[in-house]
C-alpha atoms as a PDB file:
ATOM      1  CA  MET A   1       0.012  -0.077  -0.023  1.00  0.00           C
ATOM      2  CA  ARG A   2       1.322   3.383  -0.837  1.00  0.00           C
ATOM      3  CA  TYR A   3       0.174   5.273   2.233  1.00  0.00           C
ATOM      4  CA  ASP A   4       1.578   5.106   5.715  1.00  0.00           C
ATOM      5  CA  LEU A   5      -1.619   6.271   7.397  1.00  0.00           C
ATOM      6  CA  VAL A   6      -5.355   6.349   6.532  1.00  0.00           C
ATOM      7  CA  ILE A   7      -7.510   9.067   8.348  1.00  0.00           C
ATOM      8  CA  PHE A   8     -10.959   8.348   8.487  1.00  0.00           C
ATOM      9  CA  ASP A   9     -13.669  11.025   9.132  1.00  0.00           C
ATOM     10  CA  ASN A  10     -16.234   9.648  11.424  1.00  0.00           C
ATOM     11  CA  ASP A  11     -19.777  10.887  10.686  1.00  0.00           C
ATOM     12  CA  GLY A  12     -20.975   9.423   7.393  1.00  0.00           C
ATOM     13  CA  VAL A  13     -17.792   7.452   6.854  1.00  0.00           C
ATOM     14  CA  LEU A  14     -17.341   5.159   9.919  1.00  0.00           C
ATOM     15  CA  VAL A  15     -20.893   5.662  11.250  1.00  0.00           C
ATOM     16  CA  ASP A  16     -24.204   6.289   9.491  1.00  0.00           C
ATOM     17  CA  SER A  17     -24.981   9.295  11.514  1.00  0.00           C
ATOM     18  CA  GLU A  18     -25.414  12.116   9.062  1.00  0.00           C
ATOM     19  CA  PRO A  19     -29.187  11.476   8.462  1.00  0.00           C
ATOM     20  CA  ILE A  20     -29.812  11.357  12.122  1.00  0.00           C
ATOM     21  CA  SER A  21     -27.853  14.381  13.230  1.00  0.00           C
ATOM     22  CA  ASN A  22     -29.087  16.576  10.262  1.00  0.00           C
ATOM     23  CA  GLN A  23     -32.704  15.788  10.851  1.00  0.00           C
ATOM     24  CA  ILE A  24     -32.245  16.761  14.498  1.00  0.00           C
ATOM     25  CA  LEU A  25     -30.141  19.820  13.700  1.00  0.00           C
ATOM     26  CA  ALA A  26     -32.725  21.147  11.107  1.00  0.00           C
ATOM     27  CA  ALA A  27     -35.626  20.585  13.596  1.00  0.00           C
ATOM     28  CA  TYR A  28     -33.753  22.289  16.526  1.00  0.00           C
ATOM     29  CA  LEU A  29     -32.666  25.322  14.476  1.00  0.00           C
ATOM     30  CA  THR A  30     -36.195  25.647  13.355  1.00  0.00           C
ATOM     31  CA  GLU A  31     -37.372  25.498  16.864  1.00  0.00           C
ATOM     32  CA  LEU A  32     -34.954  28.265  17.749  1.00  0.00           C
ATOM     33  CA  GLY A  33     -36.294  30.585  15.123  1.00  0.00           C
ATOM     34  CA  HIS A  34     -33.968  29.751  12.337  1.00  0.00           C
ATOM     35  CA  PRO A  35     -36.127  27.871   9.770  1.00  0.00           C
ATOM     36  CA  THR A  36     -33.856  25.142   8.193  1.00  0.00           C
ATOM     37  CA  THR A  37     -34.756  22.176   6.264  1.00  0.00           C
ATOM     38  CA  TYR A  38     -33.052  18.705   6.311  1.00  0.00           C
ATOM     39  CA  GLU A  39     -31.646  19.378   2.867  1.00  0.00           C
ATOM     40  CA  GLU A  40     -30.260  22.876   3.969  1.00  0.00           C
ATOM     41  CA  SER A  41     -28.603  21.351   6.970  1.00  0.00           C
ATOM     42  CA  LEU A  42     -26.771  18.802   4.783  1.00  0.00           C
ATOM     43  CA  ARG A  43     -25.710  21.592   2.474  1.00  0.00           C
ATOM     44  CA  ASP A  44     -24.584  23.990   4.966  1.00  0.00           C
ATOM     45  CA  PHE A  45     -23.335  22.023   7.981  1.00  0.00           C
ATOM     46  CA  MET A  46     -22.350  18.432   6.994  1.00  0.00           C
ATOM     47  CA  GLY A  47     -18.709  17.779   7.926  1.00  0.00           C
ATOM     48  CA  GLY A  48     -18.412  20.951   9.994  1.00  0.00           C
ATOM     49  CA  SER A  49     -18.106  21.550  13.678  1.00  0.00           C
ATOM     50  CA  VAL A  50     -20.685  23.029  16.024  1.00  0.00           C
ATOM     51  CA  GLN A  51     -18.681  26.415  15.921  1.00  0.00           C
ATOM     52  CA  ARG A  52     -19.381  26.412  12.190  1.00  0.00           C
ATOM     53  CA  ILE A  53     -22.991  26.121  12.803  1.00  0.00           C
ATOM     54  CA  ARG A  54     -22.927  29.027  15.217  1.00  0.00           C
ATOM     55  CA  ASP A  55     -21.037  30.990  12.647  1.00  0.00           C
ATOM     56  CA  VAL A  56     -23.181  30.277   9.708  1.00  0.00           C
ATOM     57  CA  VAL A  57     -26.371  31.056  11.719  1.00  0.00           C
ATOM     58  CA  ARG A  58     -25.121  34.282  12.951  1.00  0.00           C
ATOM     59  CA  GLU A  59     -23.848  35.339   9.588  1.00  0.00           C
ATOM     60  CA  LYS A  60     -27.283  34.482   7.884  1.00  0.00           C
ATOM     61  CA  SER A  61     -29.667  35.851  10.724  1.00  0.00           C
ATOM     62  CA  GLY A  62     -27.553  38.325  12.693  1.00  0.00           C
ATOM     63  CA  ARG A  63     -28.561  36.513  15.919  1.00  0.00           C
ATOM     64  CA  PRO A  64     -26.304  34.188  17.889  1.00  0.00           C
ATOM     65  CA  LEU A  65     -27.464  30.744  19.059  1.00  0.00           C
ATOM     66  CA  PRO A  66     -28.020  30.259  22.710  1.00  0.00           C
ATOM     67  CA  GLU A  67     -25.039  29.559  24.944  1.00  0.00           C
ATOM     68  CA  ASP A  68     -26.301  25.963  25.662  1.00  0.00           C
ATOM     69  CA  PHE A  69     -26.907  25.171  22.031  1.00  0.00           C
ATOM     70  CA  GLU A  70     -24.111  22.451  22.005  1.00  0.00           C
ATOM     71  CA  VAL A  71     -25.157  20.897  25.058  1.00  0.00           C
ATOM     72  CA  SER A  72     -28.889  20.618  24.169  1.00  0.00           C
ATOM     73  CA  PHE A  73     -28.154  19.647  20.499  1.00  0.00           C
ATOM     74  CA  HIS A  74     -25.748  16.888  21.499  1.00  0.00           C
ATOM     75  CA  ALA A  75     -28.095  15.535  24.247  1.00  0.00           C
ATOM     76  CA  ARG A  76     -30.767  15.044  21.506  1.00  0.00           C
ATOM     77  CA  VAL A  77     -28.320  13.543  19.032  1.00  0.00           C
ATOM     78  CA  PHE A  78     -26.776  11.113  21.490  1.00  0.00           C
ATOM     79  CA  GLU A  79     -30.265   9.897  22.541  1.00  0.00           C
ATOM     80  CA  GLU A  80     -30.887   8.915  18.977  1.00  0.00           C
ATOM     81  CA  PHE A  81     -27.335   7.506  18.444  1.00  0.00           C
ATOM     82  CA  ARG A  82     -27.835   5.215  21.349  1.00  0.00           C
ATOM     83  CA  ARG A  83     -31.140   4.048  19.918  1.00  0.00           C
ATOM     84  CA  ARG A  84     -30.559   3.493  16.317  1.00  0.00           C
ATOM     85  CA  LEU A  85     -26.899   4.371  15.116  1.00  0.00           C
ATOM     86  CA  VAL A  86     -25.125   1.757  12.940  1.00  0.00           C
ATOM     87  CA  ALA A  87     -21.847   1.554  11.391  1.00  0.00           C
ATOM     88  CA  VAL A  88     -21.472   2.310   7.686  1.00  0.00           C
ATOM     89  CA  PRO A  89     -21.832  -1.020   5.900  1.00  0.00           C
ATOM     90  CA  GLY A  90     -18.591  -2.638   4.985  1.00  0.00           C
ATOM     91  CA  VAL A  91     -16.319  -0.303   6.951  1.00  0.00           C
ATOM     92  CA  GLU A  92     -15.363  -3.064   9.454  1.00  0.00           C
ATOM     93  CA  THR A  93     -13.983  -5.152   6.602  1.00  0.00           C
ATOM     94  CA  VAL A  94     -11.944  -2.078   5.304  1.00  0.00           C
ATOM     95  CA  LEU A  95     -10.441  -1.738   8.986  1.00  0.00           C
ATOM     96  CA  GLU A  96      -9.638  -5.382   9.147  1.00  0.00           C
ATOM     97  CA  LYS A  97      -7.932  -5.256   5.758  1.00  0.00           C
ATOM     98  CA  LEU A  98      -5.796  -2.279   6.836  1.00  0.00           C
ATOM     99  CA  ALA A  99      -4.814  -4.012  10.188  1.00  0.00           C
ATOM    100  CA  ALA A 100      -4.056  -7.142   8.198  1.00  0.00           C
ATOM    101  CA  ASP A 101      -1.697  -5.172   5.870  1.00  0.00           C
ATOM    102  CA  GLY A 102      -0.110  -3.444   8.769  1.00  0.00           C
ATOM    103  CA  VAL A 103      -1.282  -0.033   7.724  1.00  0.00           C
ATOM    104  CA  PRO A 104      -1.970   2.408  10.588  1.00  0.00           C
ATOM    105  CA  TYR A 105      -5.285   4.298  10.669  1.00  0.00           C
ATOM    106  CA  CYS A 106      -7.030   6.901  12.810  1.00  0.00           C
ATOM    107  CA  VAL A 107     -10.057   9.168  13.141  1.00  0.00           C
ATOM    108  CA  GLY A 108     -10.045  12.924  12.112  1.00  0.00           C
ATOM    109  CA  SER A 109     -13.419  14.308  12.895  1.00  0.00           C
ATOM    110  CA  SER A 110     -15.226  17.525  13.286  1.00  0.00           C
ATOM    111  CA  GLY A 111     -17.266  16.171  16.066  1.00  0.00           C
ATOM    112  CA  SER A 112     -16.341  16.465  19.654  1.00  0.00           C
ATOM    113  CA  HIS A 113     -14.460  13.643  21.502  1.00  0.00           C
ATOM    114  CA  GLU A 114     -17.732  12.700  23.264  1.00  0.00           C
ATOM    115  CA  ARG A 115     -19.639  12.545  20.162  1.00  0.00           C
ATOM    116  CA  ILE A 116     -16.947  10.388  18.553  1.00  0.00           C
ATOM    117  CA  ARG A 117     -16.830   8.223  21.646  1.00  0.00           C
ATOM    118  CA  VAL A 118     -20.674   7.566  21.839  1.00  0.00           C
ATOM    119  CA  ALA A 119     -20.933   6.939  18.092  1.00  0.00           C
ATOM    120  CA  LEU A 120     -17.873   4.495  17.861  1.00  0.00           C
ATOM    121  CA  THR A 121     -19.000   2.799  21.090  1.00  0.00           C
ATOM    122  CA  LYS A 122     -22.602   2.299  19.975  1.00  0.00           C
ATOM    123  CA  THR A 123     -21.595   0.782  16.676  1.00  0.00           C
ATOM    124  CA  GLY A 124     -18.739  -1.494  18.208  1.00  0.00           C
ATOM    125  CA  LEU A 125     -15.947   0.287  16.485  1.00  0.00           C
ATOM    126  CA  PHE A 126     -14.335   2.190  19.352  1.00  0.00           C
ATOM    127  CA  GLU A 127     -12.075  -0.811  20.208  1.00  0.00           C
ATOM    128  CA  ARG A 128     -10.631  -0.835  16.702  1.00  0.00           C
ATOM    129  CA  PHE A 129      -9.172   2.750  17.368  1.00  0.00           C
ATOM    130  CA  GLY A 130      -8.844   3.411  21.029  1.00  0.00           C
ATOM    131  CA  ALA A 131      -8.475   6.836  22.484  1.00  0.00           C
ATOM    132  CA  ASP A 132      -4.909   7.435  21.198  1.00  0.00           C
ATOM    133  CA  ARG A 133      -6.034   7.098  17.519  1.00  0.00           C
ATOM    134  CA  ILE A 134      -9.022   9.679  17.712  1.00  0.00           C
ATOM    135  CA  PHE A 135      -8.597  13.330  16.728  1.00  0.00           C
ATOM    136  CA  SER A 136     -11.264  15.920  16.989  1.00  0.00           C
ATOM    137  CA  SER A 137     -11.702  19.587  16.022  1.00  0.00           C
ATOM    138  CA  GLN A 138     -11.527  20.160  19.776  1.00  0.00           C
ATOM    139  CA  ASP A 139      -7.884  19.435  19.511  1.00  0.00           C
ATOM    140  CA  VAL A 140      -6.926  22.315  17.084  1.00  0.00           C
ATOM    141  CA  GLY A 141      -7.814  26.020  16.713  1.00  0.00           C
ATOM    142  CA  ARG A 142      -9.581  25.714  13.389  1.00  0.00           C
ATOM    143  CA  GLY A 143     -11.870  23.010  12.104  1.00  0.00           C
ATOM    144  CA  LYS A 144     -12.456  21.810   8.484  1.00  0.00           C
ATOM    145  CA  PRO A 145     -12.188  23.162   5.823  1.00  0.00           C
ATOM    146  CA  ALA A 146      -8.811  24.316   7.456  1.00  0.00           C
ATOM    147  CA  PRO A 147      -6.120  21.701   7.335  1.00  0.00           C
ATOM    148  CA  ASP A 148      -5.204  21.948  11.010  1.00  0.00           C
ATOM    149  CA  LEU A 149      -7.019  18.718  12.220  1.00  0.00           C
ATOM    150  CA  PHE A 150      -5.542  16.384   9.608  1.00  0.00           C
ATOM    151  CA  LEU A 151      -2.109  17.857  10.026  1.00  0.00           C
ATOM    152  CA  HIS A 152      -2.454  17.419  13.859  1.00  0.00           C
ATOM    153  CA  ALA A 153      -3.492  13.825  13.280  1.00  0.00           C
ATOM    154  CA  ALA A 154      -0.468  13.001  10.956  1.00  0.00           C
ATOM    155  CA  ARG A 155       1.870  14.776  13.447  1.00  0.00           C
ATOM    156  CA  GLU A 156       0.564  12.698  16.392  1.00  0.00           C
ATOM    157  CA  MET A 157       0.715   9.489  14.368  1.00  0.00           C
ATOM    158  CA  GLY A 158       4.250  10.280  13.196  1.00  0.00           C
ATOM    159  CA  VAL A 159       3.556  10.369   9.387  1.00  0.00           C
ATOM    160  CA  GLU A 160       4.382  12.990   6.761  1.00  0.00           C
ATOM    161  CA  PRO A 161       1.163  14.665   5.346  1.00  0.00           C
ATOM    162  CA  GLY A 162       2.185  13.477   1.855  1.00  0.00           C
ATOM    163  CA  ARG A 163       2.147   9.806   3.013  1.00  0.00           C
ATOM    164  CA  CYS A 164      -1.429  10.102   4.323  1.00  0.00           C
ATOM    165  CA  ALA A 165      -4.701   9.336   2.748  1.00  0.00           C
ATOM    166  CA  VAL A 166      -7.996  10.828   3.900  1.00  0.00           C
ATOM    167  CA  VAL A 167     -11.457   9.200   3.683  1.00  0.00           C
ATOM    168  CA  GLU A 168     -14.075  11.829   3.616  1.00  0.00           C
ATOM    169  CA  ASP A 169     -17.691  12.271   2.573  1.00  0.00           C
ATOM    170  CA  SER A 170     -18.098  16.190   2.686  1.00  0.00           C
ATOM    171  CA  PRO A 171     -16.747  19.040   0.638  1.00  0.00           C
ATOM    172  CA  LEU A 172     -15.474  20.603   3.701  1.00  0.00           C
ATOM    173  CA  GLY A 173     -13.517  17.702   4.666  1.00  0.00           C
ATOM    174  CA  VAL A 174     -12.149  17.188   1.120  1.00  0.00           C
ATOM    175  CA  ARG A 175     -11.013  20.815   1.169  1.00  0.00           C
ATOM    176  CA  ALA A 176      -9.329  20.233   4.394  1.00  0.00           C
ATOM    177  CA  ALA A 177      -7.396  17.317   3.301  1.00  0.00           C
ATOM    178  CA  VAL A 178      -6.335  18.912   0.093  1.00  0.00           C
ATOM    179  CA  ALA A 179      -5.130  21.875   2.066  1.00  0.00           C
ATOM    180  CA  ALA A 180      -3.104  19.391   4.227  1.00  0.00           C
ATOM    181  CA  GLY A 181      -1.494  18.135   1.152  1.00  0.00           C
ATOM    182  CA  MET A 182      -2.987  14.741   1.423  1.00  0.00           C
ATOM    183  CA  ASP A 183      -4.731  12.493  -1.092  1.00  0.00           C
ATOM    184  CA  VAL A 184      -8.523  12.309  -0.267  1.00  0.00           C
ATOM    185  CA  TYR A 185     -10.990   9.587  -1.126  1.00  0.00           C
ATOM    186  CA  GLY A 186     -14.533  10.827  -1.532  1.00  0.00           C
ATOM    187  CA  PHE A 187     -17.409   8.671  -0.368  1.00  0.00           C
ATOM    188  CA  THR A 188     -20.511   9.536  -2.376  1.00  0.00           C
ATOM    189  CA  ALA A 189     -23.121   7.675  -0.049  1.00  0.00           C
ATOM    190  CA  MET A 190     -24.776  10.936   0.695  1.00  0.00           C
ATOM    191  CA  THR A 191     -22.916  13.658  -1.185  1.00  0.00           C
ATOM    192  CA  PRO A 192     -23.207  14.228  -4.832  1.00  0.00           C
ATOM    193  CA  ALA A 193     -20.063  13.182  -6.652  1.00  0.00           C
ATOM    194  CA  GLU A 194     -19.647  16.439  -8.395  1.00  0.00           C
ATOM    195  CA  LYS A 195     -19.233  18.420  -5.063  1.00  0.00           C
ATOM    196  CA  LEU A 196     -16.678  16.235  -3.859  1.00  0.00           C
ATOM    197  CA  VAL A 197     -14.723  16.507  -7.174  1.00  0.00           C
ATOM    198  CA  GLY A 198     -15.118  20.304  -7.227  1.00  0.00           C
ATOM    199  CA  ALA A 199     -13.638  20.139  -3.725  1.00  0.00           C
ATOM    200  CA  GLY A 200     -10.540  18.425  -5.036  1.00  0.00           C
ATOM    201  CA  ALA A 201     -11.128  14.621  -4.134  1.00  0.00           C
ATOM    202  CA  THR A 202      -8.420  12.407  -5.570  1.00  0.00           C
ATOM    203  CA  ALA A 203     -10.886   9.635  -6.330  1.00  0.00           C
ATOM    204  CA  LEU A 204     -14.548   8.736  -5.481  1.00  0.00           C
ATOM    205  CA  PHE A 205     -16.184   5.582  -4.354  1.00  0.00           C
ATOM    206  CA  THR A 206     -19.844   4.604  -3.630  1.00  0.00           C
ATOM    207  CA  ASP A 207     -19.355   1.492  -1.689  1.00  0.00           C
ATOM    208  CA  MET A 208     -16.843   0.637   1.148  1.00  0.00           C
ATOM    209  CA  ALA A 209     -15.897  -2.599  -0.655  1.00  0.00           C
ATOM    210  CA  GLU A 210     -14.187  -0.362  -3.361  1.00  0.00           C
ATOM    211  CA  LEU A 211     -11.992   1.518  -0.982  1.00  0.00           C
ATOM    212  CA  PRO A 212      -9.101  -1.067  -0.221  1.00  0.00           C
ATOM    213  CA  GLN A 213      -8.325  -1.371  -4.019  1.00  0.00           C
ATOM    214  CA  LEU A 214      -8.211   2.455  -4.237  1.00  0.00           C
ATOM    215  CA  LEU A 215      -5.755   2.701  -1.440  1.00  0.00           C
ATOM    216  CA  GLN A 216      -3.341   0.255  -3.133  1.00  0.00           C
END
């Protein structure tokens, strides 16, 4: 394999969380007086941090979200995660293949450490990573589309950026990987292919079964 490290986004790549979290986000923003559809939530916020949600809402409406927005939002999301979150089909096989080939992998997610832990624990994936291979936007000053998170993950894992591959499903994440000088493989399960191509994806795939061959 030509990479020394594979960095996985979490939401939508490891766990099938984007439909759940964006349904809840759209409903909660609407409840707070910022009418938002599910489609608009995916378009504007998928792949971004909670701080990005705050910034975009303030920019659009001129009004800030409540101070307790993150706590309330995550309480709603975690409740649903614990009820019905599942792993992305085929991702466990990909992780097993990387482990068998001796290729290190880690998580680089816009979500908080708590969100990542809840999601990976519910889906049985946490033990495949462990806390020392999970990196969050909380760890850096700027979230995606800035390259900071991916550069931080590479540095902590002891790998040069140019030897890293990133697996992403959002334009924000693809742009972050490109800015970090990393190849990035765009998962098109929920995002139109043209958006990932436009953001600079190295290659695209629609099924996790395709990924190991792409990484060779």
